[in-house]
Each structure stands twice: as structure tokens, then as C-alpha cells.
Amino acid sequence: MRHLLQSATALTAMAVTLMLATMPAHAQQSTGPLYGEGPYMGPYVGGGVGQYNVRIDNAQEFGNVINHYSANDTAFKVFAGYRFAPFIALEGSYINLGTNRNVIAPGVVAGSRIDGWSPELVATLPIGWFELFAEGGDYIYRYRRNLDVPGASFGSSSDTFNHVEWGAGLGVVVARVIPIRLEYQEFNIQDTNRSNALWLTGAFRF
């Protein structure tokens, strides 16, 4: 909780600074190839679907019996943000990485479920209809792990963590206010060796 409050305070201070810095630009909105084809400042909302991939070489909370576990599942996210300039935005996302399950031995199934929130800073390079972007933030998530063994309840665990996440991608702006983006995102999920997602997202800019 303390880390969440620190993150929120830092991002709020950053947002105020960006808003003050970009007020003159807002008063004289420009057009041209570097400003994109739609409103380049203001709020937006969106969502997307993707595939989340996870690999765990060894899960210590289950007595080191899970080795080389990998799985994938459909993931989704919804987000809202504010663009302070064509090149910078502050965004908040709810990210659900799905339920990942895999058979690791005859009749033995390991699974994980991850979802949480992420405040993010998004940098965008708009070039006409197209955009290149990169983002980074602090993913605050609930991580549930379980191991199902026939005839026995081996164990499960559930904890809250927060770790850095980052991503990058490209997009195209449709009808001047609808950016459609393809994004690769990397997560630093607790006790995993690989944790990433590929997203297709859409948004509406007001």
C-alpha cells in the first residue's frame, strides 16, 4: 500500500508538471505531420485483447516440484488516460492476464491467475496517421498459484506484488480519433522466468 501511494503521488506530481508545461501549446494547437490526424491533447479511453505467455523454471512455494512450467491464455485490459501533448500521456490500466494452466505430470495440473492495476507513462511519436509508442509503469497485481494433484490438495498461494512493466509498439489512427495499436508488453512477475503479452488495442480520443 505504501508503494502504491508513493507511485500515485509521483505520477500526480508528474501530471501537474506536464499540464503546466503544455498549457501554452494547448492554447495554440497546431496541425501537421508530427501532430497526427486528430485531437492531440485531451482524455481517451480504450481496451484490448491479447495473449499472455508465462514460463516458470522452478516454483519454490510448492516444494520445488514445478520445473519448466509454461502456459499461455487470453488476456484483456481496459485503460483511460490524458494526453498532455502529442508526445506524452499519463494512463491508468486494469490488466487481467488470464488463467494459465498446464499439465506438468500425469494428472498433475499447475495453474496461475494474475490481474491488477498499472499507472503508466506513455511516450508517442505521431507521424500523420501512424504512431510509434513506448510505455512503462508499476504493475500492482494479485498473483494466485495452485497445484492440483489427484486425490490430494497439494497447495495454493495468493499474494499481492508490484513490479515494473514496459512495452512498445506501433499503431494507426482511424477516423482521426480512434488509434488501433499492436503492442508487445513485458512484465516482471514474481518468481517467473518469462512473462510477456502481445496486445491488439483500440481507443477513442475525445
Protein backbone atom coordinates (compact mmCIF):
# COMPACT_ATOMS: atom_id res chain seq x y z
CA MET A 1 0.00 0.00 0.00
CA ARG A 2 2.82 2.39 0.82
CA HIS A 3 4.41 1.72 -2.56
CA LEU A 4 1.06 2.32 -4.28
CA LEU A 5 0.65 5.67 -2.53
CA GLN A 6 4.20 6.66 -3.44
CA SER A 7 3.58 5.75 -7.09
CA ALA A 8 0.29 7.66 -7.17
CA THR A 9 1.90 10.73 -5.58
CA ALA A 10 4.80 10.71 -8.02
CA LEU A 11 2.54 10.29 -11.03
CA THR A 12 0.19 13.04 -9.82
CA ALA A 13 3.12 15.44 -9.45
CA MET A 14 4.30 14.49 -12.92
CA ALA A 15 0.83 15.06 -14.35
CA VAL A 16 0.58 18.56 -12.83
CA THR A 17 4.04 19.44 -14.16
CA LEU A 18 3.15 18.21 -17.65
CA MET A 19 -0.16 20.06 -17.65
CA LEU A 20 1.51 23.36 -16.72
CA ALA A 21 4.26 22.83 -19.27
CA THR A 22 1.86 22.15 -22.11
CA MET A 23 -0.74 24.87 -21.43
CA PRO A 24 0.76 27.30 -24.00
CA ALA A 25 0.70 24.58 -26.63
CA HIS A 26 -2.92 23.83 -25.84
CA ALA A 27 -3.82 27.43 -26.49
CA GLN A 28 -2.22 27.27 -29.94
CA GLN A 29 -2.97 23.79 -31.23
CA SER A 30 -1.04 23.07 -34.40
CA THR A 31 -1.56 20.64 -37.22
CA GLY A 32 0.94 18.86 -39.39
CA PRO A 33 2.64 15.51 -39.83
CA LEU A 34 4.16 15.45 -36.33
CA TYR A 35 0.86 16.18 -34.61
CA GLY A 36 -1.18 13.29 -36.00
CA GLU A 37 -4.59 13.41 -37.61
CA GLY A 38 -6.82 14.05 -34.63
CA PRO A 39 -7.02 15.89 -31.29
CA TYR A 40 -3.52 15.68 -29.88
CA MET A 41 -4.37 16.72 -26.31
CA GLY A 42 -7.12 15.56 -24.00
CA PRO A 43 -8.65 12.42 -22.48
CA TYR A 44 -9.09 8.99 -24.04
CA VAL A 45 -10.45 5.56 -23.10
CA GLY A 46 -9.83 2.15 -24.61
CA GLY A 47 -9.29 -1.55 -24.22
CA GLY A 48 -7.76 -4.54 -25.87
CA VAL A 49 -7.28 -8.27 -26.03
CA GLY A 50 -4.09 -10.28 -26.30
CA GLN A 51 -2.16 -13.41 -25.45
CA TYR A 52 -0.19 -13.72 -22.23
CA ASN A 53 2.77 -16.12 -22.01
CA VAL A 54 4.43 -17.29 -18.81
CA ARG A 55 7.32 -19.64 -18.01
CA ILE A 56 8.41 -20.80 -14.55
CA ASP A 57 11.56 -22.86 -14.18
CA ASN A 58 11.02 -23.62 -10.51
CA ALA A 59 8.18 -22.71 -8.13
CA GLN A 60 9.68 -22.75 -4.63
CA GLU A 61 6.39 -22.32 -2.75
CA PHE A 62 5.36 -25.80 -3.99
CA GLY A 63 8.47 -27.52 -2.76
CA ASN A 64 10.46 -27.14 -6.00
CA VAL A 65 8.34 -29.75 -7.77
CA ILE A 66 7.30 -27.47 -10.64
CA ASN A 67 10.10 -27.36 -13.19
CA HIS A 68 9.95 -25.83 -16.67
CA TYR A 69 6.28 -24.90 -16.48
CA SER A 70 4.97 -22.80 -19.36
CA ALA A 71 1.46 -21.77 -20.39
CA ASN A 72 -0.48 -19.07 -22.19
CA ASP A 73 -4.01 -17.70 -22.07
CA THR A 74 -6.17 -14.93 -23.47
CA ALA A 75 -5.66 -11.64 -21.64
CA PHE A 76 -7.53 -8.35 -21.67
CA LYS A 77 -7.11 -4.82 -20.44
CA VAL A 78 -9.05 -1.57 -20.21
CA PHE A 79 -7.48 1.82 -19.78
CA ALA A 80 -8.05 5.57 -19.61
CA GLY A 81 -5.60 8.40 -19.91
CA TYR A 82 -4.86 12.01 -20.72
CA ARG A 83 -2.57 13.29 -23.47
CA PHE A 84 -0.68 16.39 -22.33
CA ALA A 85 0.97 16.84 -25.73
CA PRO A 86 1.29 14.78 -28.93
CA PHE A 87 4.28 13.05 -27.37
CA ILE A 88 3.32 12.28 -23.75
CA ALA A 89 0.36 10.87 -21.81
CA LEU A 90 -0.48 9.59 -18.35
CA GLU A 91 -2.52 6.38 -18.33
CA GLY A 92 -4.13 4.00 -15.87
CA SER A 93 -4.85 0.37 -16.84
CA TYR A 94 -6.62 -2.64 -15.42
CA ILE A 95 -4.78 -5.69 -16.80
CA ASN A 96 -6.09 -9.25 -16.50
CA LEU A 97 -3.52 -11.80 -17.65
CA GLY A 98 -5.96 -14.71 -17.61
CA THR A 99 -5.80 -18.16 -16.02
CA ASN A 100 -2.80 -20.14 -17.16
CA ARG A 101 -2.88 -23.93 -16.65
CA ASN A 102 -0.61 -26.73 -17.80
CA VAL A 103 -0.16 -30.44 -17.07
CA ILE A 104 3.28 -30.93 -15.53
CA ALA A 105 2.94 -34.66 -14.76
CA PRO A 106 0.26 -37.31 -15.31
CA GLY A 107 -2.84 -35.94 -13.59
CA VAL A 108 -0.96 -33.03 -12.02
CA VAL A 109 -2.01 -29.56 -13.15
CA ALA A 110 -0.28 -26.30 -12.24
CA GLY A 111 -2.07 -23.02 -12.73
CA SER A 112 -1.78 -19.30 -12.14
CA ARG A 113 -4.10 -16.31 -12.31
CA ILE A 114 -2.88 -12.71 -12.43
CA ASP A 115 -4.74 -9.40 -12.52
CA GLY A 116 -4.09 -5.89 -11.31
CA TRP A 117 -3.69 -2.17 -11.99
CA SER A 118 -0.90 -0.17 -13.55
CA PRO A 119 -0.26 3.60 -13.63
CA GLU A 120 1.79 4.26 -16.77
CA LEU A 121 3.64 6.99 -18.63
CA VAL A 122 3.21 6.73 -22.41
CA ALA A 123 5.55 8.37 -24.94
CA THR A 124 4.28 8.62 -28.53
CA LEU A 125 5.82 9.70 -31.81
CA PRO A 126 2.89 10.56 -34.12
CA ILE A 127 3.67 10.68 -37.86
CA GLY A 128 0.50 11.51 -39.74
CA TRP A 129 -1.86 8.56 -39.47
CA PHE A 130 0.81 6.39 -37.84
CA GLU A 131 2.24 6.27 -34.31
CA LEU A 132 5.23 4.71 -32.61
CA PHE A 133 4.97 4.47 -28.84
CA ALA A 134 6.62 3.16 -25.68
CA GLU A 135 5.23 2.92 -22.17
CA GLY A 136 6.33 1.99 -18.69
CA GLY A 137 4.68 1.71 -15.30
CA ASP A 138 4.29 -0.09 -12.00
CA TYR A 139 2.07 -3.20 -12.18
CA ILE A 140 0.32 -3.80 -8.84
CA TYR A 141 -1.25 -7.25 -9.07
CA ARG A 142 -2.76 -10.23 -7.29
CA TYR A 143 -0.89 -13.45 -8.12
CA ARG A 144 -2.69 -16.74 -7.42
CA ARG A 145 -0.88 -20.07 -7.88
CA ASN A 146 -2.24 -23.56 -7.37
CA LEU A 147 -1.17 -27.16 -7.88
CA ASP A 148 -3.86 -29.83 -8.33
CA VAL A 149 -2.88 -33.41 -7.55
CA PRO A 150 -5.35 -36.33 -7.94
CA GLY A 151 -6.69 -37.41 -4.56
CA ALA A 152 -4.86 -34.67 -2.68
CA SER A 153 -4.77 -30.93 -2.22
CA PHE A 154 -1.10 -30.11 -2.61
CA GLY A 155 -1.30 -26.41 -2.10
CA SER A 156 -2.09 -22.96 -3.31
CA SER A 157 -0.89 -19.44 -2.62
CA SER A 158 -2.13 -15.92 -3.26
CA ASP A 159 -0.14 -12.72 -2.79
CA THR A 160 -0.05 -9.11 -3.91
CA PHE A 161 3.08 -7.78 -5.60
CA ASN A 162 4.17 -4.77 -7.59
CA HIS A 163 6.84 -4.76 -10.28
CA VAL A 164 7.91 -2.67 -13.23
CA GLU A 165 6.30 -3.34 -16.61
CA TRP A 166 7.13 -1.83 -20.00
CA GLY A 167 6.02 -2.10 -23.59
CA ALA A 168 6.32 -0.70 -27.10
CA GLY A 169 4.50 -0.91 -30.40
CA LEU A 170 3.01 0.80 -33.40
CA GLY A 171 -0.44 1.98 -34.39
CA VAL A 172 -2.62 3.69 -36.93
CA VAL A 173 -5.23 6.41 -36.29
CA VAL A 174 -8.62 5.71 -37.87
CA ALA A 175 -11.25 8.44 -38.40
CA ARG A 176 -8.92 10.94 -36.67
CA VAL A 177 -9.88 9.86 -33.12
CA ILE A 178 -9.54 6.04 -32.97
CA PRO A 179 -5.98 4.74 -32.54
CA ILE A 180 -5.59 1.00 -33.17
CA ARG A 181 -2.33 -0.39 -31.81
CA LEU A 182 -0.25 -3.56 -31.79
CA GLU A 183 1.83 -3.74 -28.60
CA TYR A 184 4.41 -6.02 -27.01
CA GLN A 185 4.48 -5.77 -23.21
CA GLU A 186 6.98 -7.27 -20.77
CA PHE A 187 6.08 -7.99 -17.13
CA ASN A 188 8.41 -8.73 -14.22
CA ILE A 189 6.03 -11.13 -12.47
CA GLN A 190 7.17 -12.63 -9.17
CA ASP A 191 9.02 -15.99 -9.47
CA THR A 192 8.65 -16.24 -13.25
CA ASN A 193 11.40 -16.55 -15.82
CA ARG A 194 9.39 -15.18 -18.73
CA SER A 195 6.23 -13.09 -18.61
CA ASN A 196 5.00 -11.13 -21.62
CA ALA A 197 1.93 -10.32 -23.67
CA LEU A 198 1.08 -9.33 -27.24
CA TRP A 199 -1.89 -6.94 -27.46
CA LEU A 200 -4.29 -5.54 -30.04
CA THR A 201 -5.92 -2.44 -28.57
CA GLY A 202 -8.25 0.35 -29.61
CA ALA A 203 -9.15 3.67 -28.02
CA PHE A 204 -11.29 6.75 -28.51
CA ARG A 205 -9.86 10.25 -28.12
CA PHE A 206 -12.26 12.99 -27.01
